[in-house]
Amino acid sequence: MADTEPTYAIRKAVETPGLDGAWDSPAWAHADMLEIAHFFPQGSDHRPVTRAKLLYDTERIYVMFRVEDRYVRCLADRYQGAVYQDACVEFFVRPRADKGYFNFEMNCGGTLLLRNVTDPTRIGKELAEYRNVPWEQASQIRVFHSMPKVVEPEIEEAVVWTVEYSVPFSLFEAYVGPLGELSGQEWRANFYKCAENNSHPHFATWAPIRGACNFHQPQFFAPIRFE
Protein backbone atom coordinates (compact mmCIF):
# COMPACT_ATOMS: atom_id res chain seq x y z
CA MET A 1 0.00 0.00 0.00
CA ALA A 2 1.18 3.53 -0.72
CA ASP A 3 2.77 5.56 2.06
CA THR A 4 1.45 8.98 1.03
CA GLU A 5 -0.48 10.64 3.86
CA PRO A 6 -3.69 12.32 2.67
CA THR A 7 -5.31 15.36 4.27
CA TYR A 8 -8.90 16.53 4.40
CA ALA A 9 -10.39 20.01 4.90
CA ILE A 10 -13.68 20.14 6.82
CA ARG A 11 -15.66 23.08 5.45
CA LYS A 12 -18.02 25.09 7.60
CA ALA A 13 -21.65 24.41 6.71
CA VAL A 14 -23.40 27.27 4.93
CA GLU A 15 -26.71 25.57 5.65
CA THR A 16 -27.60 22.65 7.89
CA PRO A 17 -27.54 19.32 6.03
CA GLY A 18 -30.99 17.78 5.85
CA LEU A 19 -29.97 14.28 6.99
CA ASP A 20 -31.79 12.87 3.98
CA GLY A 21 -28.94 11.19 2.13
CA ALA A 22 -28.90 13.80 -0.65
CA TRP A 23 -25.23 13.58 -1.66
CA ASP A 24 -25.46 16.46 -4.16
CA SER A 25 -27.77 18.72 -2.15
CA PRO A 26 -26.95 22.43 -1.82
CA ALA A 27 -25.94 21.88 1.80
CA TRP A 28 -23.20 19.44 0.73
CA ALA A 29 -22.23 21.16 -2.53
CA HIS A 30 -19.11 22.88 -1.20
CA ALA A 31 -17.87 19.98 0.96
CA ASP A 32 -14.66 18.29 -0.12
CA MET A 33 -14.88 14.61 -1.05
CA LEU A 34 -12.53 11.80 -0.09
CA GLU A 35 -12.33 8.25 -1.42
CA ILE A 36 -11.72 5.04 0.52
CA ALA A 37 -9.62 3.23 -2.06
CA HIS A 38 -6.74 1.39 -0.35
CA PHE A 39 -7.84 -2.26 -0.28
CA PHE A 40 -6.18 -4.99 1.74
CA PRO A 41 -5.29 -8.15 -0.21
CA GLN A 42 -7.01 -10.30 2.44
CA GLY A 43 -10.36 -9.47 0.88
CA SER A 44 -12.09 -10.61 -2.30
CA ASP A 45 -11.92 -8.94 -5.70
CA HIS A 46 -14.95 -6.76 -4.88
CA ARG A 47 -13.87 -3.11 -4.79
CA PRO A 48 -16.87 -0.92 -3.91
CA VAL A 49 -16.50 2.76 -4.76
CA THR A 50 -16.81 4.46 -1.38
CA ARG A 51 -16.70 8.20 -0.84
CA ALA A 52 -17.27 10.46 2.16
CA LYS A 53 -17.84 14.14 2.94
CA LEU A 54 -17.69 16.12 6.19
CA LEU A 55 -19.03 19.50 7.29
CA TYR A 56 -19.30 21.26 10.64
CA ASP A 57 -21.05 24.10 12.42
CA THR A 58 -20.82 25.43 15.95
CA GLU A 59 -22.74 22.50 17.43
CA ARG A 60 -22.11 19.39 15.30
CA ILE A 61 -19.92 17.57 12.84
CA TYR A 62 -21.75 16.09 9.84
CA VAL A 63 -20.62 12.92 8.07
CA MET A 64 -21.94 11.32 4.87
CA PHE A 65 -20.85 8.16 3.07
CA ARG A 66 -21.93 7.08 -0.43
CA VAL A 67 -21.19 3.50 -1.52
CA GLU A 68 -21.53 1.90 -4.95
CA ASP A 69 -21.76 -1.65 -3.71
CA ARG A 70 -22.78 -5.24 -4.39
CA TYR A 71 -23.18 -8.34 -2.21
CA VAL A 72 -24.82 -6.21 0.48
CA ARG A 73 -25.80 -7.99 3.69
CA CYS A 74 -26.78 -6.37 6.99
CA LEU A 75 -27.82 -8.22 10.16
CA ALA A 76 -26.79 -6.19 13.23
CA ASP A 77 -29.77 -4.09 14.31
CA ARG A 78 -28.93 -3.08 17.89
CA TYR A 79 -26.55 -0.41 19.20
CA GLN A 80 -23.02 -1.81 19.74
CA GLY A 81 -23.79 -4.85 17.60
CA ALA A 82 -21.25 -6.47 15.25
CA VAL A 83 -21.86 -3.94 12.48
CA TYR A 84 -18.34 -4.45 11.05
CA GLN A 85 -19.43 -7.87 9.80
CA ASP A 86 -22.10 -6.20 7.65
CA ALA A 87 -21.83 -3.78 4.74
CA CYS A 88 -20.20 -1.11 6.90
CA VAL A 89 -18.52 2.30 6.78
CA GLU A 90 -16.37 3.62 9.60
CA PHE A 91 -14.99 6.95 10.80
CA PHE A 92 -12.20 6.75 13.40
CA VAL A 93 -11.27 10.16 14.79
CA ARG A 94 -8.89 11.49 17.45
CA PRO A 95 -9.54 15.09 18.54
CA ARG A 96 -6.71 15.10 21.11
CA ALA A 97 -3.50 13.09 20.94
CA ASP A 98 -3.62 12.02 24.59
CA LYS A 99 -7.35 11.24 24.93
CA GLY A 100 -7.82 8.23 22.69
CA TYR A 101 -9.99 8.06 19.58
CA PHE A 102 -13.62 7.37 18.71
CA ASN A 103 -14.63 4.59 16.31
CA PHE A 104 -17.92 5.41 14.62
CA GLU A 105 -18.78 2.11 12.89
CA MET A 106 -22.11 2.10 11.05
CA ASN A 107 -23.67 -0.54 8.82
CA CYS A 108 -25.83 0.28 5.81
CA GLY A 109 -28.94 -0.09 7.98
CA GLY A 110 -27.83 2.78 10.24
CA THR A 111 -26.88 0.68 13.28
CA LEU A 112 -23.91 2.09 15.19
CA LEU A 113 -21.02 0.77 17.25
CA LEU A 114 -19.15 3.50 19.18
CA ARG A 115 -16.30 3.43 21.67
CA ASN A 116 -13.63 5.73 23.04
CA VAL A 117 -10.46 3.68 22.56
CA THR A 118 -7.49 4.61 24.75
CA ASP A 119 -5.26 1.57 24.11
CA PRO A 120 -5.83 -0.31 20.83
CA THR A 121 -3.32 -3.06 21.60
CA ARG A 122 -4.86 -6.37 20.56
CA ILE A 123 -5.50 -8.95 23.26
CA GLY A 124 -6.90 -11.82 21.26
CA LYS A 125 -9.87 -10.30 19.41
CA GLU A 126 -10.37 -7.54 21.99
CA LEU A 127 -8.73 -4.14 22.50
CA ALA A 128 -6.70 -3.51 25.64
CA GLU A 129 -8.52 -0.40 26.87
CA TYR A 130 -11.70 1.33 25.76
CA ARG A 131 -14.97 2.71 27.03
CA ASN A 132 -18.29 1.97 25.39
CA VAL A 133 -20.11 5.23 24.74
CA PRO A 134 -23.42 4.77 26.58
CA TRP A 135 -26.67 4.98 24.67
CA GLU A 136 -27.66 8.12 26.60
CA GLN A 137 -24.85 9.90 24.72
CA ALA A 138 -24.97 7.98 21.44
CA SER A 139 -28.70 8.67 21.10
CA GLN A 140 -27.79 12.33 20.49
CA ILE A 141 -26.34 11.28 17.12
CA ARG A 142 -28.85 11.89 14.32
CA VAL A 143 -28.77 9.22 11.61
CA PHE A 144 -30.12 8.73 8.09
CA HIS A 145 -29.73 5.43 6.21
CA SER A 146 -31.03 4.62 2.75
CA MET A 147 -31.13 0.84 3.17
CA PRO A 148 -33.49 -1.17 5.40
CA LYS A 149 -32.26 -1.84 8.92
CA VAL A 150 -31.81 -5.53 8.06
CA VAL A 151 -30.80 -6.79 4.62
CA GLU A 152 -31.11 -10.56 4.32
CA PRO A 153 -30.64 -12.37 2.03
CA GLU A 154 -27.62 -10.72 0.47
CA ILE A 155 -28.24 -8.33 -2.43
CA GLU A 156 -25.89 -9.51 -5.18
CA GLU A 157 -26.91 -6.85 -7.70
CA ALA A 158 -25.36 -3.39 -7.91
CA VAL A 159 -26.83 -0.95 -5.38
CA VAL A 160 -25.94 2.55 -4.19
CA TRP A 161 -26.46 3.25 -0.51
CA THR A 162 -25.80 6.16 1.80
CA VAL A 163 -25.57 6.84 5.49
CA GLU A 164 -25.49 10.34 6.91
CA TYR A 165 -25.18 11.38 10.53
CA SER A 166 -24.36 14.31 12.78
CA VAL A 167 -22.50 14.16 16.09
CA PRO A 168 -22.72 16.91 18.72
CA PHE A 169 -19.33 18.21 19.78
CA SER A 170 -20.55 17.82 23.37
CA LEU A 171 -20.20 14.05 22.94
CA PHE A 172 -16.48 14.42 22.24
CA GLU A 173 -16.07 16.93 25.06
CA ALA A 174 -17.42 14.42 27.59
CA TYR A 175 -14.22 12.42 26.97
CA VAL A 176 -11.56 14.91 25.88
CA GLY A 177 -12.59 18.14 27.64
CA PRO A 178 -13.54 21.50 26.10
CA LEU A 179 -12.73 21.76 22.40
CA GLY A 180 -12.72 25.54 22.16
CA GLU A 181 -12.76 27.32 18.80
CA LEU A 182 -12.76 24.66 16.09
CA SER A 183 -11.63 26.80 13.17
CA GLY A 184 -7.97 26.04 12.50
CA GLN A 185 -7.86 22.87 14.60
CA GLU A 186 -6.29 19.71 13.21
CA TRP A 187 -7.61 16.33 14.29
CA ARG A 188 -6.40 12.92 13.11
CA ALA A 189 -8.68 10.36 11.49
CA ASN A 190 -9.18 7.49 9.10
CA PHE A 191 -12.16 6.24 7.12
CA TYR A 192 -12.94 2.65 6.26
CA LYS A 193 -15.21 0.40 4.21
CA CYS A 194 -15.57 -3.24 5.16
CA ALA A 195 -17.76 -6.32 5.03
CA GLU A 196 -16.83 -9.61 6.67
CA ASN A 197 -19.96 -11.75 6.72
CA ASN A 198 -20.92 -11.86 3.04
CA SER A 199 -19.93 -13.68 -0.13
CA HIS A 200 -17.31 -11.06 -1.12
CA PRO A 201 -15.55 -9.72 2.01
CA HIS A 202 -13.38 -6.62 1.64
CA PHE A 203 -11.41 -4.15 3.76
CA ALA A 204 -10.45 -0.66 2.56
CA THR A 205 -9.02 2.55 4.05
CA TRP A 206 -8.68 6.23 3.18
CA ALA A 207 -5.27 6.80 4.76
CA PRO A 208 -3.07 3.82 3.91
CA ILE A 209 -2.16 1.33 6.63
CA ARG A 210 1.03 -0.70 6.48
CA GLY A 211 1.20 -4.23 7.79
CA ALA A 212 -1.69 -6.06 9.41
CA CYS A 213 -5.28 -5.74 8.23
CA ASN A 214 -6.28 -3.94 11.42
CA PHE A 215 -8.20 -0.67 11.39
CA HIS A 216 -7.27 0.09 15.03
CA GLN A 217 -3.88 1.60 14.22
CA PRO A 218 -4.03 5.32 15.09
CA GLN A 219 -0.39 5.79 14.06
CA PHE A 220 -1.72 5.75 10.50
CA PHE A 221 -4.45 8.34 11.05
CA ALA A 222 -4.13 11.38 8.78
CA PRO A 223 -4.93 15.09 9.30
CA ILE A 224 -8.45 16.47 9.04
CA ARG A 225 -8.49 20.24 9.43
CA PHE A 226 -11.39 22.54 10.30
CA GLU A 227 -11.41 25.52 7.94
C-alpha atoms as a PDB file:
ATOM      1  CA  MET A   1       0.000   0.000   0.000  1.00  0.00           C
ATOM      2  CA  ALA A   2       1.183   3.530  -0.718  1.00  0.00           C
ATOM      3  CA  ASP A   3       2.773   5.562   2.059  1.00  0.00           C
ATOM      4  CA  THR A   4       1.448   8.982   1.035  1.00  0.00           C
ATOM      5  CA  GLU A   5      -0.480  10.644   3.862  1.00  0.00           C
ATOM      6  CA  PRO A   6      -3.688  12.325   2.667  1.00  0.00           C
ATOM      7  CA  THR A   7      -5.308  15.362   4.272  1.00  0.00           C
ATOM      8  CA  TYR A   8      -8.900  16.528   4.398  1.00  0.00           C
ATOM      9  CA  ALA A   9     -10.392  20.013   4.900  1.00  0.00           C
ATOM     10  CA  ILE A  10     -13.684  20.143   6.815  1.00  0.00           C
ATOM     11  CA  ARG A  11     -15.657  23.076   5.451  1.00  0.00           C
ATOM     12  CA  LYS A  12     -18.019  25.086   7.599  1.00  0.00           C
ATOM     13  CA  ALA A  13     -21.650  24.408   6.706  1.00  0.00           C
ATOM     14  CA  VAL A  14     -23.403  27.268   4.931  1.00  0.00           C
ATOM     15  CA  GLU A  15     -26.712  25.573   5.650  1.00  0.00           C
ATOM     16  CA  THR A  16     -27.605  22.655   7.891  1.00  0.00           C
ATOM     17  CA  PRO A  17     -27.543  19.320   6.033  1.00  0.00           C
ATOM     18  CA  GLY A  18     -30.988  17.780   5.852  1.00  0.00           C
ATOM     19  CA  LEU A  19     -29.972  14.283   6.985  1.00  0.00           C
ATOM     20  CA  ASP A  20     -31.791  12.869   3.983  1.00  0.00           C
ATOM     21  CA  GLY A  21     -28.939  11.191   2.128  1.00  0.00           C
ATOM     22  CA  ALA A  22     -28.899  13.804  -0.651  1.00  0.00           C
ATOM     23  CA  TRP A  23     -25.235  13.576  -1.658  1.00  0.00           C
ATOM     24  CA  ASP A  24     -25.464  16.458  -4.157  1.00  0.00           C
ATOM     25  CA  SER A  25     -27.774  18.715  -2.147  1.00  0.00           C
ATOM     26  CA  PRO A  26     -26.946  22.428  -1.818  1.00  0.00           C
ATOM     27  CA  ALA A  27     -25.943  21.881   1.805  1.00  0.00           C
ATOM     28  CA  TRP A  28     -23.203  19.445   0.730  1.00  0.00           C
ATOM     29  CA  ALA A  29     -22.229  21.163  -2.531  1.00  0.00           C
ATOM     30  CA  HIS A  30     -19.106  22.879  -1.197  1.00  0.00           C
ATOM     31  CA  ALA A  31     -17.869  19.978   0.960  1.00  0.00           C
ATOM     32  CA  ASP A  32     -14.655  18.292  -0.120  1.00  0.00           C
ATOM     33  CA  MET A  33     -14.879  14.611  -1.052  1.00  0.00           C
ATOM     34  CA  LEU A  34     -12.531  11.798  -0.086  1.00  0.00           C
ATOM     35  CA  GLU A  35     -12.334   8.248  -1.417  1.00  0.00           C
ATOM     36  CA  ILE A  36     -11.716   5.041   0.519  1.00  0.00           C
ATOM     37  CA  ALA A  37      -9.619   3.232  -2.057  1.00  0.00           C
ATOM     38  CA  HIS A  38      -6.736   1.389  -0.347  1.00  0.00           C
ATOM     39  CA  PHE A  39      -7.842  -2.255  -0.277  1.00  0.00           C
ATOM     40  CA  PHE A  40      -6.182  -4.993   1.738  1.00  0.00           C
ATOM     41  CA  PRO A  41      -5.294  -8.150  -0.209  1.00  0.00           C
ATOM     42  CA  GLN A  42      -7.010 -10.304   2.445  1.00  0.00           C
ATOM     43  CA  GLY A  43     -10.364  -9.471   0.881  1.00  0.00           C
ATOM     44  CA  SER A  44     -12.090 -10.606  -2.302  1.00  0.00           C
ATOM     45  CA  ASP A  45     -11.923  -8.938  -5.700  1.00  0.00           C
ATOM     46  CA  HIS A  46     -14.954  -6.759  -4.882  1.00  0.00           C
ATOM     47  CA  ARG A  47     -13.871  -3.109  -4.794  1.00  0.00           C
ATOM     48  CA  PRO A  48     -16.874  -0.918  -3.910  1.00  0.00           C
ATOM     49  CA  VAL A  49     -16.502   2.757  -4.764  1.00  0.00           C
ATOM     50  CA  THR A  50     -16.811   4.456  -1.383  1.00  0.00           C
ATOM     51  CA  ARG A  51     -16.697   8.204  -0.844  1.00  0.00           C
ATOM     52  CA  ALA A  52     -17.271  10.462   2.158  1.00  0.00           C
ATOM     53  CA  LYS A  53     -17.836  14.138   2.941  1.00  0.00           C
ATOM     54  CA  LEU A  54     -17.694  16.121   6.193  1.00  0.00           C
ATOM     55  CA  LEU A  55     -19.030  19.502   7.291  1.00  0.00           C
ATOM     56  CA  TYR A  56     -19.299  21.261  10.636  1.00  0.00           C
ATOM     57  CA  ASP A  57     -21.052  24.097  12.418  1.00  0.00           C
ATOM     58  CA  THR A  58     -20.819  25.432  15.955  1.00  0.00           C
ATOM     59  CA  GLU A  59     -22.741  22.498  17.430  1.00  0.00           C
ATOM     60  CA  ARG A  60     -22.114  19.391  15.299  1.00  0.00           C
ATOM     61  CA  ILE A  61     -19.917  17.566  12.839  1.00  0.00           C
ATOM     62  CA  TYR A  62     -21.746  16.094   9.838  1.00  0.00           C
ATOM     63  CA  VAL A  63     -20.618  12.921   8.066  1.00  0.00           C
ATOM     64  CA  MET A  64     -21.941  11.317   4.872  1.00  0.00           C
ATOM     65  CA  PHE A  65     -20.851   8.160   3.068  1.00  0.00           C
ATOM     66  CA  ARG A  66     -21.933   7.076  -0.426  1.00  0.00           C
ATOM     67  CA  VAL A  67     -21.190   3.501  -1.519  1.00  0.00           C
ATOM     68  CA  GLU A  68     -21.526   1.902  -4.951  1.00  0.00           C
ATOM     69  CA  ASP A  69     -21.762  -1.652  -3.709  1.00  0.00           C
ATOM     70  CA  ARG A  70     -22.777  -5.244  -4.390  1.00  0.00           C
ATOM     71  CA  TYR A  71     -23.175  -8.336  -2.209  1.00  0.00           C
ATOM     72  CA  VAL A  72     -24.818  -6.211   0.481  1.00  0.00           C
ATOM     73  CA  ARG A  73     -25.798  -7.987   3.688  1.00  0.00           C
ATOM     74  CA  CYS A  74     -26.782  -6.369   6.993  1.00  0.00           C
ATOM     75  CA  LEU A  75     -27.820  -8.221  10.155  1.00  0.00           C
ATOM     76  CA  ALA A  76     -26.792  -6.189  13.234  1.00  0.00           C
ATOM     77  CA  ASP A  77     -29.775  -4.091  14.315  1.00  0.00           C
ATOM     78  CA  ARG A  78     -28.928  -3.075  17.890  1.00  0.00           C
ATOM     79  CA  TYR A  79     -26.554  -0.414  19.198  1.00  0.00           C
ATOM     80  CA  GLN A  80     -23.025  -1.814  19.744  1.00  0.00           C
ATOM     81  CA  GLY A  81     -23.795  -4.854  17.602  1.00  0.00           C
ATOM     82  CA  ALA A  82     -21.254  -6.468  15.248  1.00  0.00           C
ATOM     83  CA  VAL A  83     -21.865  -3.939  12.480  1.00  0.00           C
ATOM     84  CA  TYR A  84     -18.342  -4.452  11.053  1.00  0.00           C
ATOM     85  CA  GLN A  85     -19.432  -7.875   9.803  1.00  0.00           C
ATOM     86  CA  ASP A  86     -22.100  -6.201   7.649  1.00  0.00           C
ATOM     87  CA  ALA A  87     -21.829  -3.775   4.741  1.00  0.00           C
ATOM     88  CA  CYS A  88     -20.205  -1.109   6.900  1.00  0.00           C
ATOM     89  CA  VAL A  89     -18.518   2.295   6.780  1.00  0.00           C
ATOM     90  CA  GLU A  90     -16.373   3.619   9.597  1.00  0.00           C
ATOM     91  CA  PHE A  91     -14.985   6.949  10.803  1.00  0.00           C
ATOM     92  CA  PHE A  92     -12.201   6.748  13.403  1.00  0.00           C
ATOM     93  CA  VAL A  93     -11.268  10.161  14.785  1.00  0.00           C
ATOM     94  CA  ARG A  94      -8.893  11.493  17.448  1.00  0.00           C
ATOM     95  CA  PRO A  95      -9.541  15.091  18.539  1.00  0.00           C
ATOM     96  CA  ARG A  96      -6.709  15.102  21.111  1.00  0.00           C
ATOM     97  CA  ALA A  97      -3.499  13.086  20.941  1.00  0.00           C
ATOM     98  CA  ASP A  98      -3.625  12.020  24.590  1.00  0.00           C
ATOM     99  CA  LYS A  99      -7.351  11.244  24.929  1.00  0.00           C
ATOM    100  CA  GLY A 100      -7.825   8.233  22.686  1.00  0.00           C
ATOM    101  CA  TYR A 101      -9.994   8.064  19.583  1.00  0.00           C
ATOM    102  CA  PHE A 102     -13.619   7.371  18.711  1.00  0.00           C
ATOM    103  CA  ASN A 103     -14.629   4.587  16.314  1.00  0.00           C
ATOM    104  CA  PHE A 104     -17.924   5.407  14.623  1.00  0.00           C
ATOM    105  CA  GLU A 105     -18.779   2.112  12.889  1.00  0.00           C
ATOM    106  CA  MET A 106     -22.115   2.100  11.048  1.00  0.00           C
ATOM    107  CA  ASN A 107     -23.674  -0.538   8.818  1.00  0.00           C
ATOM    108  CA  CYS A 108     -25.828   0.275   5.806  1.00  0.00           C
ATOM    109  CA  GLY A 109     -28.938  -0.086   7.984  1.00  0.00           C
ATOM    110  CA  GLY A 110     -27.832   2.782  10.242  1.00  0.00           C
ATOM    111  CA  THR A 111     -26.883   0.682  13.281  1.00  0.00           C
ATOM    112  CA  LEU A 112     -23.914   2.094  15.187  1.00  0.00           C
ATOM    113  CA  LEU A 113     -21.018   0.772  17.250  1.00  0.00           C
ATOM    114  CA  LEU A 114     -19.154   3.497  19.176  1.00  0.00           C
ATOM    115  CA  ARG A 115     -16.300   3.429  21.668  1.00  0.00           C
ATOM    116  CA  ASN A 116     -13.629   5.731  23.041  1.00  0.00           C
ATOM    117  CA  VAL A 117     -10.456   3.677  22.561  1.00  0.00           C
ATOM    118  CA  THR A 118      -7.488   4.609  24.745  1.00  0.00           C
ATOM    119  CA  ASP A 119      -5.258   1.569  24.108  1.00  0.00           C
ATOM    120  CA  PRO A 120      -5.827  -0.309  20.834  1.00  0.00           C
ATOM    121  CA  THR A 121      -3.320  -3.064  21.602  1.00  0.00           C
ATOM    122  CA  ARG A 122      -4.864  -6.369  20.560  1.00  0.00           C
ATOM    123  CA  ILE A 123      -5.502  -8.951  23.259  1.00  0.00           C
ATOM    124  CA  GLY A 124      -6.905 -11.816  21.263  1.00  0.00           C
ATOM    125  CA  LYS A 125      -9.870 -10.303  19.412  1.00  0.00           C
ATOM    126  CA  GLU A 126     -10.373  -7.536  21.985  1.00  0.00           C
ATOM    127  CA  LEU A 127      -8.735  -4.141  22.503  1.00  0.00           C
ATOM    128  CA  ALA A 128      -6.703  -3.512  25.644  1.00  0.00           C
ATOM    129  CA  GLU A 129      -8.524  -0.399  26.871  1.00  0.00           C
ATOM    130  CA  TYR A 130     -11.698   1.330  25.758  1.00  0.00           C
ATOM    131  CA  ARG A 131     -14.975   2.715  27.028  1.00  0.00           C
ATOM    132  CA  ASN A 132     -18.286   1.972  25.388  1.00  0.00           C
ATOM    133  CA  VAL A 133     -20.110   5.234  24.737  1.00  0.00           C
ATOM    134  CA  PRO A 134     -23.424   4.775  26.583  1.00  0.00           C
ATOM    135  CA  TRP A 135     -26.669   4.976  24.672  1.00  0.00           C
ATOM    136  CA  GLU A 136     -27.656   8.116  26.597  1.00  0.00           C
ATOM    137  CA  GLN A 137     -24.849   9.902  24.723  1.00  0.00           C
ATOM    138  CA  ALA A 138     -24.970   7.976  21.436  1.00  0.00           C
ATOM    139  CA  SER A 139     -28.702   8.669  21.102  1.00  0.00           C
ATOM    140  CA  GLN A 140     -27.791  12.330  20.491  1.00  0.00           C
ATOM    141  CA  ILE A 141     -26.340  11.283  17.122  1.00  0.00           C
ATOM    142  CA  ARG A 142     -28.846  11.888  14.324  1.00  0.00           C
ATOM    143  CA  VAL A 143     -28.774   9.224  11.611  1.00  0.00           C
ATOM    144  CA  PHE A 144     -30.122   8.729   8.091  1.00  0.00           C
ATOM    145  CA  HIS A 145     -29.733   5.431   6.213  1.00  0.00           C
ATOM    146  CA  SER A 146     -31.032   4.620   2.746  1.00  0.00           C
ATOM    147  CA  MET A 147     -31.134   0.844   3.167  1.00  0.00           C
ATOM    148  CA  PRO A 148     -33.494  -1.172   5.399  1.00  0.00           C
ATOM    149  CA  LYS A 149     -32.258  -1.838   8.920  1.00  0.00           C
ATOM    150  CA  VAL A 150     -31.807  -5.525   8.063  1.00  0.00           C
ATOM    151  CA  VAL A 151     -30.796  -6.787   4.615  1.00  0.00           C
ATOM    152  CA  GLU A 152     -31.113 -10.556   4.317  1.00  0.00           C
ATOM    153  CA  PRO A 153     -30.636 -12.365   2.030  1.00  0.00           C
ATOM    154  CA  GLU A 154     -27.616 -10.720   0.468  1.00  0.00           C
ATOM    155  CA  ILE A 155     -28.237  -8.325  -2.431  1.00  0.00           C
ATOM    156  CA  GLU A 156     -25.885  -9.509  -5.177  1.00  0.00           C
ATOM    157  CA  GLU A 157     -26.905  -6.846  -7.701  1.00  0.00           C
ATOM    158  CA  ALA A 158     -25.358  -3.390  -7.907  1.00  0.00           C
ATOM    159  CA  VAL A 159     -26.832  -0.949  -5.379  1.00  0.00           C
ATOM    160  CA  VAL A 160     -25.943   2.552  -4.195  1.00  0.00           C
ATOM    161  CA  TRP A 161     -26.457   3.246  -0.505  1.00  0.00           C
ATOM    162  CA  THR A 162     -25.803   6.163   1.804  1.00  0.00           C
ATOM    163  CA  VAL A 163     -25.567   6.836   5.493  1.00  0.00           C
ATOM    164  CA  GLU A 164     -25.493  10.340   6.910  1.00  0.00           C
ATOM    165  CA  TYR A 165     -25.178  11.385  10.535  1.00  0.00           C
ATOM    166  CA  SER A 166     -24.357  14.306  12.777  1.00  0.00           C
ATOM    167  CA  VAL A 167     -22.501  14.156  16.087  1.00  0.00           C
ATOM    168  CA  PRO A 168     -22.721  16.906  18.721  1.00  0.00           C
ATOM    169  CA  PHE A 169     -19.327  18.212  19.782  1.00  0.00           C
ATOM    170  CA  SER A 170     -20.546  17.824  23.368  1.00  0.00           C
ATOM    171  CA  LEU A 171     -20.204  14.052  22.945  1.00  0.00           C
ATOM    172  CA  PHE A 172     -16.481  14.423  22.242  1.00  0.00           C
ATOM    173  CA  GLU A 173     -16.071  16.926  25.063  1.00  0.00           C
ATOM    174  CA  ALA A 174     -17.420  14.417  27.593  1.00  0.00           C
ATOM    175  CA  TYR A 175     -14.221  12.415  26.972  1.00  0.00           C
ATOM    176  CA  VAL A 176     -11.557  14.910  25.876  1.00  0.00           C
ATOM    177  CA  GLY A 177     -12.592  18.144  27.637  1.00  0.00           C
ATOM    178  CA  PRO A 178     -13.540  21.502  26.103  1.00  0.00           C
ATOM    179  CA  LEU A 179     -12.731  21.756  22.402  1.00  0.00           C
ATOM    180  CA  GLY A 180     -12.720  25.543  22.162  1.00  0.00           C
ATOM    181  CA  GLU A 181     -12.757  27.317  18.803  1.00  0.00           C
ATOM    182  CA  LEU A 182     -12.761  24.665  16.091  1.00  0.00           C
ATOM    183  CA  SER A 183     -11.625  26.804  13.167  1.00  0.00           C
ATOM    184  CA  GLY A 184      -7.965  26.041  12.497  1.00  0.00           C
ATOM    185  CA  GLN A 185      -7.861  22.873  14.599  1.00  0.00           C
ATOM    186  CA  GLU A 186      -6.293  19.706  13.211  1.00  0.00           C
ATOM    187  CA  TRP A 187      -7.613  16.325  14.287  1.00  0.00           C
ATOM    188  CA  ARG A 188      -6.401  12.916  13.108  1.00  0.00           C
ATOM    189  CA  ALA A 189      -8.675  10.356  11.493  1.00  0.00           C
ATOM    190  CA  ASN A 190      -9.176   7.489   9.095  1.00  0.00           C
ATOM    191  CA  PHE A 191     -12.163   6.244   7.118  1.00  0.00           C
ATOM    192  CA  TYR A 192     -12.939   2.647   6.259  1.00  0.00           C
ATOM    193  CA  LYS A 193     -15.214   0.399   4.213  1.00  0.00           C
ATOM    194  CA  CYS A 194     -15.569  -3.242   5.164  1.00  0.00           C
ATOM    195  CA  ALA A 195     -17.761  -6.315   5.033  1.00  0.00           C
ATOM    196  CA  GLU A 196     -16.831  -9.614   6.668  1.00  0.00           C
ATOM    197  CA  ASN A 197     -19.959 -11.747   6.716  1.00  0.00           C
ATOM    198  CA  ASN A 198     -20.924 -11.858   3.043  1.00  0.00           C
ATOM    199  CA  SER A 199     -19.926 -13.681  -0.132  1.00  0.00           C
ATOM    200  CA  HIS A 200     -17.308 -11.062  -1.124  1.00  0.00           C
ATOM    201  CA  PRO A 201     -15.548  -9.724   2.008  1.00  0.00           C
ATOM    202  CA  HIS A 202     -13.381  -6.622   1.641  1.00  0.00           C
ATOM    203  CA  PHE A 203     -11.413  -4.147   3.758  1.00  0.00           C
ATOM    204  CA  ALA A 204     -10.450  -0.659   2.564  1.00  0.00           C
ATOM    205  CA  THR A 205      -9.021   2.545   4.055  1.00  0.00           C
ATOM    206  CA  TRP A 206      -8.676   6.231   3.180  1.00  0.00           C
ATOM    207  CA  ALA A 207      -5.269   6.801   4.759  1.00  0.00           C
ATOM    208  CA  PRO A 208      -3.069   3.816   3.910  1.00  0.00           C
ATOM    209  CA  ILE A 209      -2.157   1.332   6.633  1.00  0.00           C
ATOM    210  CA  ARG A 210       1.029  -0.700   6.481  1.00  0.00           C
ATOM    211  CA  GLY A 211       1.201  -4.233   7.792  1.00  0.00           C
ATOM    212  CA  ALA A 212      -1.686  -6.058   9.415  1.00  0.00           C
ATOM    213  CA  CYS A 213      -5.279  -5.736   8.231  1.00  0.00           C
ATOM    214  CA  ASN A 214      -6.277  -3.943  11.418  1.00  0.00           C
ATOM    215  CA  PHE A 215      -8.202  -0.666  11.392  1.00  0.00           C
ATOM    216  CA  HIS A 216      -7.268   0.087  15.026  1.00  0.00           C
ATOM    217  CA  GLN A 217      -3.880   1.605  14.217  1.00  0.00           C
ATOM    218  CA  PRO A 218      -4.030   5.320  15.090  1.00  0.00           C
ATOM    219  CA  GLN A 219      -0.393   5.787  14.065  1.00  0.00           C
ATOM    220  CA  PHE A 220      -1.718   5.754  10.496  1.00  0.00           C
ATOM    221  CA  PHE A 221      -4.450   8.338  11.048  1.00  0.00           C
ATOM    222  CA  ALA A 222      -4.132  11.381   8.784  1.00  0.00           C
ATOM    223  CA  PRO A 223      -4.929  15.091   9.304  1.00  0.00           C
ATOM    224  CA  ILE A 224      -8.454  16.469   9.037  1.00  0.00           C
ATOM    225  CA  ARG A 225      -8.495  20.243   9.427  1.00  0.00           C
ATOM    226  CA  PHE A 226     -11.386  22.540  10.302  1.00  0.00           C
ATOM    227  CA  GLU A 227     -11.410  25.516   7.939  1.00  0.00           C
END
